[in-house]
Amino acid sequence: SFSFTSSESGSSFECKLDGKPFKPCRSPLTTKALSYGRHTLLVRAVLTGNTDPSPARFSFKVVKG
């Protein structure tokens, strides 16, 4: 699970996982089961049609438990 916020009240969010297109999302975001290996999640805030040009980036690795 990933939690995120915006400094701008009323913002919504879009998320992009592993090169797929951005799509609307909410915090906290819980992903489906992911394959072992490296993954990247991008999160950007959207407010009144303005999209943050520099999304937050979370890089992580799924390993066997």
PDB file of N, CA and C in Angstrom:
ATOM      1  N   SER A   1       0.840  -1.191   0.000  1.00  0.00           N
ATOM      2  CA  SER A   1       0.000   0.000   0.000  1.00  0.00           C
ATOM      3  C   SER A   1       0.877   1.244   0.000  1.00  0.00           C
ATOM      4  N   PHE A   2       0.388   2.288  -0.660  1.00  0.00           N
ATOM      5  CA  PHE A   2       1.104   3.555  -0.751  1.00  0.00           C
ATOM      6  C   PHE A   2       0.171   4.675  -0.323  1.00  0.00           C
ATOM      7  N   SER A   3       0.665   5.594   0.489  1.00  0.00           N
ATOM      8  CA  SER A   3      -0.102   6.757   0.918  1.00  0.00           C
ATOM      9  C   SER A   3       0.546   8.006   0.355  1.00  0.00           C
ATOM     10  N   PHE A   4      -0.283   8.976  -0.050  1.00  0.00           N
ATOM     11  CA  PHE A   4       0.244  10.209  -0.602  1.00  0.00           C
ATOM     12  C   PHE A   4      -0.755  11.335  -0.355  1.00  0.00           C
ATOM     13  N   THR A   5      -0.256  12.574  -0.367  1.00  0.00           N
ATOM     14  CA  THR A   5      -1.074  13.761  -0.157  1.00  0.00           C
ATOM     15  C   THR A   5      -0.605  14.866  -1.097  1.00  0.00           C
ATOM     16  N   SER A   6      -1.371  15.932  -1.145  1.00  0.00           N
ATOM     17  CA  SER A   6      -0.992  17.106  -1.915  1.00  0.00           C
ATOM     18  C   SER A   6      -1.025  18.317  -0.999  1.00  0.00           C
ATOM     19  N   SER A   7      -0.179  19.282  -1.260  1.00  0.00           N
ATOM     20  CA  SER A   7      -0.194  20.519  -0.486  1.00  0.00           C
ATOM     21  C   SER A   7      -1.349  21.423  -0.929  1.00  0.00           C
ATOM     22  N   GLU A   8      -1.996  21.094  -2.037  1.00  0.00           N
ATOM     23  CA  GLU A   8      -3.120  21.861  -2.559  1.00  0.00           C
ATOM     24  C   GLU A   8      -4.431  21.182  -2.185  1.00  0.00           C
ATOM     25  N   SER A   9      -5.230  21.825  -1.364  1.00  0.00           N
ATOM     26  CA  SER A   9      -6.523  21.276  -0.954  1.00  0.00           C
ATOM     27  C   SER A   9      -7.425  21.061  -2.168  1.00  0.00           C
ATOM     28  N   GLY A  10      -8.136  19.946  -2.182  1.00  0.00           N
ATOM     29  CA  GLY A  10      -9.063  19.641  -3.271  1.00  0.00           C
ATOM     30  C   GLY A  10      -8.440  18.905  -4.440  1.00  0.00           C
ATOM     31  N   SER A  11      -7.171  18.562  -4.344  1.00  0.00           N
ATOM     32  CA  SER A  11      -6.508  17.841  -5.433  1.00  0.00           C
ATOM     33  C   SER A  11      -7.027  16.417  -5.542  1.00  0.00           C
ATOM     34  N   SER A  12      -7.037  15.910  -6.764  1.00  0.00           N
ATOM     35  CA  SER A  12      -7.248  14.482  -6.998  1.00  0.00           C
ATOM     36  C   SER A  12      -5.909  13.929  -7.472  1.00  0.00           C
ATOM     37  N   PHE A  13      -5.861  12.624  -7.707  1.00  0.00           N
ATOM     38  CA  PHE A  13      -4.582  11.994  -8.062  1.00  0.00           C
ATOM     39  C   PHE A  13      -4.730  11.069  -9.248  1.00  0.00           C
ATOM     40  N   GLU A  14      -3.622  10.895  -9.959  1.00  0.00           N
ATOM     41  CA  GLU A  14      -3.507   9.903 -11.027  1.00  0.00           C
ATOM     42  C   GLU A  14      -2.255   9.092 -10.754  1.00  0.00           C
ATOM     43  N   CYS A  15      -2.361   7.782 -10.973  1.00  0.00           N
ATOM     44  CA  CYS A  15      -1.251   6.869 -10.722  1.00  0.00           C
ATOM     45  C   CYS A  15      -0.892   6.094 -11.984  1.00  0.00           C
ATOM     46  N   LYS A  16       0.378   5.717 -12.065  1.00  0.00           N
ATOM     47  CA  LYS A  16       0.897   4.963 -13.202  1.00  0.00           C
ATOM     48  C   LYS A  16       1.845   3.918 -12.649  1.00  0.00           C
ATOM     49  N   LEU A  17       1.583   2.654 -12.927  1.00  0.00           N
ATOM     50  CA  LEU A  17       2.423   1.572 -12.426  1.00  0.00           C
ATOM     51  C   LEU A  17       3.117   0.869 -13.584  1.00  0.00           C
ATOM     52  N   ASP A  18       4.438   0.818 -13.520  1.00  0.00           N
ATOM     53  CA  ASP A  18       5.247   0.073 -14.487  1.00  0.00           C
ATOM     54  C   ASP A  18       4.955   0.409 -15.947  1.00  0.00           C
ATOM     55  N   GLY A  19       4.882   1.668 -16.268  1.00  0.00           N
ATOM     56  CA  GLY A  19       4.757   2.068 -17.667  1.00  0.00           C
ATOM     57  C   GLY A  19       3.350   2.040 -18.231  1.00  0.00           C
ATOM     58  N   LYS A  20       2.379   1.611 -17.457  1.00  0.00           N
ATOM     59  CA  LYS A  20       0.996   1.652 -17.929  1.00  0.00           C
ATOM     60  C   LYS A  20       0.535   3.111 -17.922  1.00  0.00           C
ATOM     61  N   PRO A  21      -0.580   3.420 -18.584  1.00  0.00           N
ATOM     62  CA  PRO A  21      -1.056   4.814 -18.606  1.00  0.00           C
ATOM     63  C   PRO A  21      -1.487   5.296 -17.223  1.00  0.00           C
ATOM     64  N   PHE A  22      -1.439   6.614 -17.027  1.00  0.00           N
ATOM     65  CA  PHE A  22      -1.962   7.195 -15.794  1.00  0.00           C
ATOM     66  C   PHE A  22      -3.461   6.945 -15.727  1.00  0.00           C
ATOM     67  N   LYS A  23      -3.957   6.670 -14.505  1.00  0.00           N
ATOM     68  CA  LYS A  23      -5.395   6.537 -14.299  1.00  0.00           C
ATOM     69  C   LYS A  23      -5.727   7.089 -12.914  1.00  0.00           C
ATOM     70  N   PRO A  24      -6.974   7.530 -12.714  1.00  0.00           N
ATOM     71  CA  PRO A  24      -7.346   8.091 -11.412  1.00  0.00           C
ATOM     72  C   PRO A  24      -7.094   7.094 -10.282  1.00  0.00           C
ATOM     73  N   CYS A  25      -6.669   7.614  -9.124  1.00  0.00           N
ATOM     74  CA  CYS A  25      -6.412   6.761  -7.962  1.00  0.00           C
ATOM     75  C   CYS A  25      -6.641   7.565  -6.691  1.00  0.00           C
ATOM     76  N   ARG A  26      -6.680   6.869  -5.570  1.00  0.00           N
ATOM     77  CA  ARG A  26      -6.868   7.499  -4.255  1.00  0.00           C
ATOM     78  C   ARG A  26      -5.826   6.965  -3.280  1.00  0.00           C
ATOM     79  N   SER A  27      -5.586   7.761  -2.259  1.00  0.00           N
ATOM     80  CA  SER A  27      -4.679   7.340  -1.185  1.00  0.00           C
ATOM     81  C   SER A  27      -5.509   6.824  -0.017  1.00  0.00           C
ATOM     82  N   PRO A  28      -5.132   5.729   0.574  1.00  0.00           N
ATOM     83  CA  PRO A  28      -3.995   4.876   0.231  1.00  0.00           C
ATOM     84  C   PRO A  28      -4.313   3.998  -0.983  1.00  0.00           C
ATOM     85  N   LEU A  29      -3.300   3.772  -1.788  1.00  0.00           N
ATOM     86  CA  LEU A  29      -3.421   2.920  -2.970  1.00  0.00           C
ATOM     87  C   LEU A  29      -2.868   1.545  -2.623  1.00  0.00           C
ATOM     88  N   THR A  30      -3.670   0.523  -2.818  1.00  0.00           N
ATOM     89  CA  THR A  30      -3.217  -0.856  -2.636  1.00  0.00           C
ATOM     90  C   THR A  30      -3.216  -1.519  -3.997  1.00  0.00           C
ATOM     91  N   THR A  31      -2.080  -2.036  -4.396  1.00  0.00           N
ATOM     92  CA  THR A  31      -1.979  -2.686  -5.701  1.00  0.00           C
ATOM     93  C   THR A  31      -2.427  -4.133  -5.610  1.00  0.00           C
ATOM     94  N   LYS A  32      -2.719  -4.703  -6.762  1.00  0.00           N
ATOM     95  CA  LYS A  32      -2.960  -6.143  -6.826  1.00  0.00           C
ATOM     96  C   LYS A  32      -1.621  -6.834  -6.583  1.00  0.00           C
ATOM     97  N   ALA A  33      -1.636  -8.137  -6.467  1.00  0.00           N
ATOM     98  CA  ALA A  33      -0.381  -8.877  -6.283  1.00  0.00           C
ATOM     99  C   ALA A  33       0.545  -8.598  -7.468  1.00  0.00           C
ATOM    100  N   LEU A  34       1.778  -8.254  -7.182  1.00  0.00           N
ATOM    101  CA  LEU A  34       2.747  -7.932  -8.227  1.00  0.00           C
ATOM    102  C   LEU A  34       3.763  -9.052  -8.376  1.00  0.00           C
ATOM    103  N   SER A  35       4.319  -9.176  -9.565  1.00  0.00           N
ATOM    104  CA  SER A  35       5.340 -10.185  -9.813  1.00  0.00           C
ATOM    105  C   SER A  35       6.621  -9.819  -9.065  1.00  0.00           C
ATOM    106  N   TYR A  36       7.457 -10.814  -8.818  1.00  0.00           N
ATOM    107  CA  TYR A  36       8.746 -10.563  -8.186  1.00  0.00           C
ATOM    108  C   TYR A  36       9.571  -9.672  -9.103  1.00  0.00           C
ATOM    109  N   GLY A  37      10.370  -8.801  -8.514  1.00  0.00           N
ATOM    110  CA  GLY A  37      11.242  -7.929  -9.291  1.00  0.00           C
ATOM    111  C   GLY A  37      10.984  -6.462  -8.996  1.00  0.00           C
ATOM    112  N   ARG A  38      11.574  -5.614  -9.825  1.00  0.00           N
ATOM    113  CA  ARG A  38      11.501  -4.163  -9.633  1.00  0.00           C
ATOM    114  C   ARG A  38      10.234  -3.586 -10.251  1.00  0.00           C
ATOM    115  N   HIS A  39       9.701  -2.573  -9.570  1.00  0.00           N
ATOM    116  CA  HIS A  39       8.493  -1.886 -10.026  1.00  0.00           C
ATOM    117  C   HIS A  39       8.648  -0.396  -9.757  1.00  0.00           C
ATOM    118  N   THR A  40       7.899   0.407 -10.509  1.00  0.00           N
ATOM    119  CA  THR A  40       7.894   1.854 -10.312  1.00  0.00           C
ATOM    120  C   THR A  40       6.460   2.361 -10.342  1.00  0.00           C
ATOM    121  N   LEU A  41       6.108   3.141  -9.333  1.00  0.00           N
ATOM    122  CA  LEU A  41       4.800   3.781  -9.245  1.00  0.00           C
ATOM    123  C   LEU A  41       5.011   5.284  -9.324  1.00  0.00           C
ATOM    124  N   LEU A  42       4.286   5.937 -10.234  1.00  0.00           N
ATOM    125  CA  LEU A  42       4.289   7.388 -10.337  1.00  0.00           C
ATOM    126  C   LEU A  42       2.931   7.895  -9.870  1.00  0.00           C
ATOM    127  N   VAL A  43       2.937   8.987  -9.091  1.00  0.00           N
ATOM    128  CA  VAL A  43       1.699   9.598  -8.598  1.00  0.00           C
ATOM    129  C   VAL A  43       1.777  11.085  -8.868  1.00  0.00           C
ATOM    130  N   ARG A  44       0.722  11.621  -9.513  1.00  0.00           N
ATOM    131  CA  ARG A  44       0.687  13.057  -9.760  1.00  0.00           C
ATOM    132  C   ARG A  44      -0.645  13.632  -9.279  1.00  0.00           C
ATOM    133  N   ALA A  45      -0.587  14.864  -8.801  1.00  0.00           N
ATOM    134  CA  ALA A  45      -1.778  15.566  -8.333  1.00  0.00           C
ATOM    135  C   ALA A  45      -2.405  16.317  -9.504  1.00  0.00           C
ATOM    136  N   VAL A  46      -3.734  16.425  -9.461  1.00  0.00           N
ATOM    137  CA  VAL A  46      -4.481  17.174 -10.470  1.00  0.00           C
ATOM    138  C   VAL A  46      -5.435  18.106  -9.724  1.00  0.00           C
ATOM    139  N   LEU A  47      -5.437  19.386 -10.108  1.00  0.00           N
ATOM    140  CA  LEU A  47      -6.316  20.369  -9.461  1.00  0.00           C
ATOM    141  C   LEU A  47      -6.844  21.313 -10.531  1.00  0.00           C
ATOM    142  N   THR A  48      -8.149  21.402 -10.643  1.00  0.00           N
ATOM    143  CA  THR A  48      -8.845  22.255 -11.623  1.00  0.00           C
ATOM    144  C   THR A  48      -8.237  22.158 -13.020  1.00  0.00           C
ATOM    145  N   GLY A  49      -7.994  20.913 -13.448  1.00  0.00           N
ATOM    146  CA  GLY A  49      -7.479  20.676 -14.786  1.00  0.00           C
ATOM    147  C   GLY A  49      -5.979  20.839 -14.935  1.00  0.00           C
ATOM    148  N   ASN A  50      -5.297  21.281 -13.901  1.00  0.00           N
ATOM    149  CA  ASN A  50      -3.837  21.423 -13.942  1.00  0.00           C
ATOM    150  C   ASN A  50      -3.190  20.189 -13.360  1.00  0.00           C
ATOM    151  N   THR A  51      -2.306  19.575 -14.134  1.00  0.00           N
ATOM    152  CA  THR A  51      -1.630  18.354 -13.724  1.00  0.00           C
ATOM    153  C   THR A  51      -0.202  18.668 -13.290  1.00  0.00           C
ATOM    154  N   ASP A  52       0.189  18.147 -12.147  1.00  0.00           N
ATOM    155  CA  ASP A  52       1.558  18.324 -11.651  1.00  0.00           C
ATOM    156  C   ASP A  52       2.536  17.783 -12.692  1.00  0.00           C
ATOM    157  N   PRO A  53       3.473  18.602 -13.174  1.00  0.00           N
ATOM    158  CA  PRO A  53       4.409  18.138 -14.201  1.00  0.00           C
ATOM    159  C   PRO A  53       5.527  17.237 -13.671  1.00  0.00           C
ATOM    160  N   SER A  54       5.637  17.126 -12.336  1.00  0.00           N
ATOM    161  CA  SER A  54       6.711  16.299 -11.773  1.00  0.00           C
ATOM    162  C   SER A  54       6.123  15.292 -10.779  1.00  0.00           C
ATOM    163  N   PRO A  55       5.642  14.150 -11.278  1.00  0.00           N
ATOM    164  CA  PRO A  55       5.027  13.154 -10.397  1.00  0.00           C
ATOM    165  C   PRO A  55       6.006  12.626  -9.351  1.00  0.00           C
ATOM    166  N   ALA A  56       5.445  12.240  -8.204  1.00  0.00           N
ATOM    167  CA  ALA A  56       6.249  11.544  -7.195  1.00  0.00           C
ATOM    168  C   ALA A  56       6.562  10.156  -7.727  1.00  0.00           C
ATOM    169  N   ARG A  57       7.759   9.661  -7.429  1.00  0.00           N
ATOM    170  CA  ARG A  57       8.197   8.349  -7.928  1.00  0.00           C
ATOM    171  C   ARG A  57       8.533   7.445  -6.755  1.00  0.00           C
ATOM    172  N   PHE A  58       7.942   6.250  -6.753  1.00  0.00           N
ATOM    173  CA  PHE A  58       8.248   5.223  -5.767  1.00  0.00           C
ATOM    174  C   PHE A  58       8.826   4.037  -6.531  1.00  0.00           C
ATOM    175  N   SER A  59      10.089   3.740  -6.309  1.00  0.00           N
ATOM    176  CA  SER A  59      10.716   2.557  -6.911  1.00  0.00           C
ATOM    177  C   SER A  59      10.891   1.527  -5.821  1.00  0.00           C
ATOM    178  N   PHE A  60      10.517   0.284  -6.110  1.00  0.00           N
ATOM    179  CA  PHE A  60      10.577  -0.755  -5.081  1.00  0.00           C
ATOM    180  C   PHE A  60      10.789  -2.115  -5.752  1.00  0.00           C
ATOM    181  N   LYS A  61      11.127  -3.082  -4.928  1.00  0.00           N
ATOM    182  CA  LYS A  61      11.392  -4.437  -5.410  1.00  0.00           C
ATOM    183  C   LYS A  61      10.564  -5.417  -4.611  1.00  0.00           C
ATOM    184  N   VAL A  62       9.855  -6.308  -5.286  1.00  0.00           N
ATOM    185  CA  VAL A  62       9.088  -7.368  -4.648  1.00  0.00           C
ATOM    186  C   VAL A  62       9.993  -8.604  -4.572  1.00  0.00           C
ATOM    187  N   VAL A  63      10.161  -9.130  -3.366  1.00  0.00           N
ATOM    188  CA  VAL A  63      11.019 -10.298  -3.160  1.00  0.00           C
ATOM    189  C   VAL A  63      10.202 -11.434  -2.526  1.00  0.00           C
ATOM    190  N   LYS A  64      10.727 -12.627  -2.620  1.00  0.00           N
ATOM    191  CA  LYS A  64      10.070 -13.766  -1.956  1.00  0.00           C
ATOM    192  C   LYS A  64      10.158 -13.597  -0.459  1.00  0.00           C
ATOM    193  N   GLY A  65       9.040 -13.878   0.229  1.00  0.00           N
ATOM    194  CA  GLY A  65       9.011 -13.701   1.672  1.00  0.00           C
ATOM    195  C   GLY A  65       9.401 -14.913   2.448  1.00  0.00           C
TER     196      GLY A  65
END
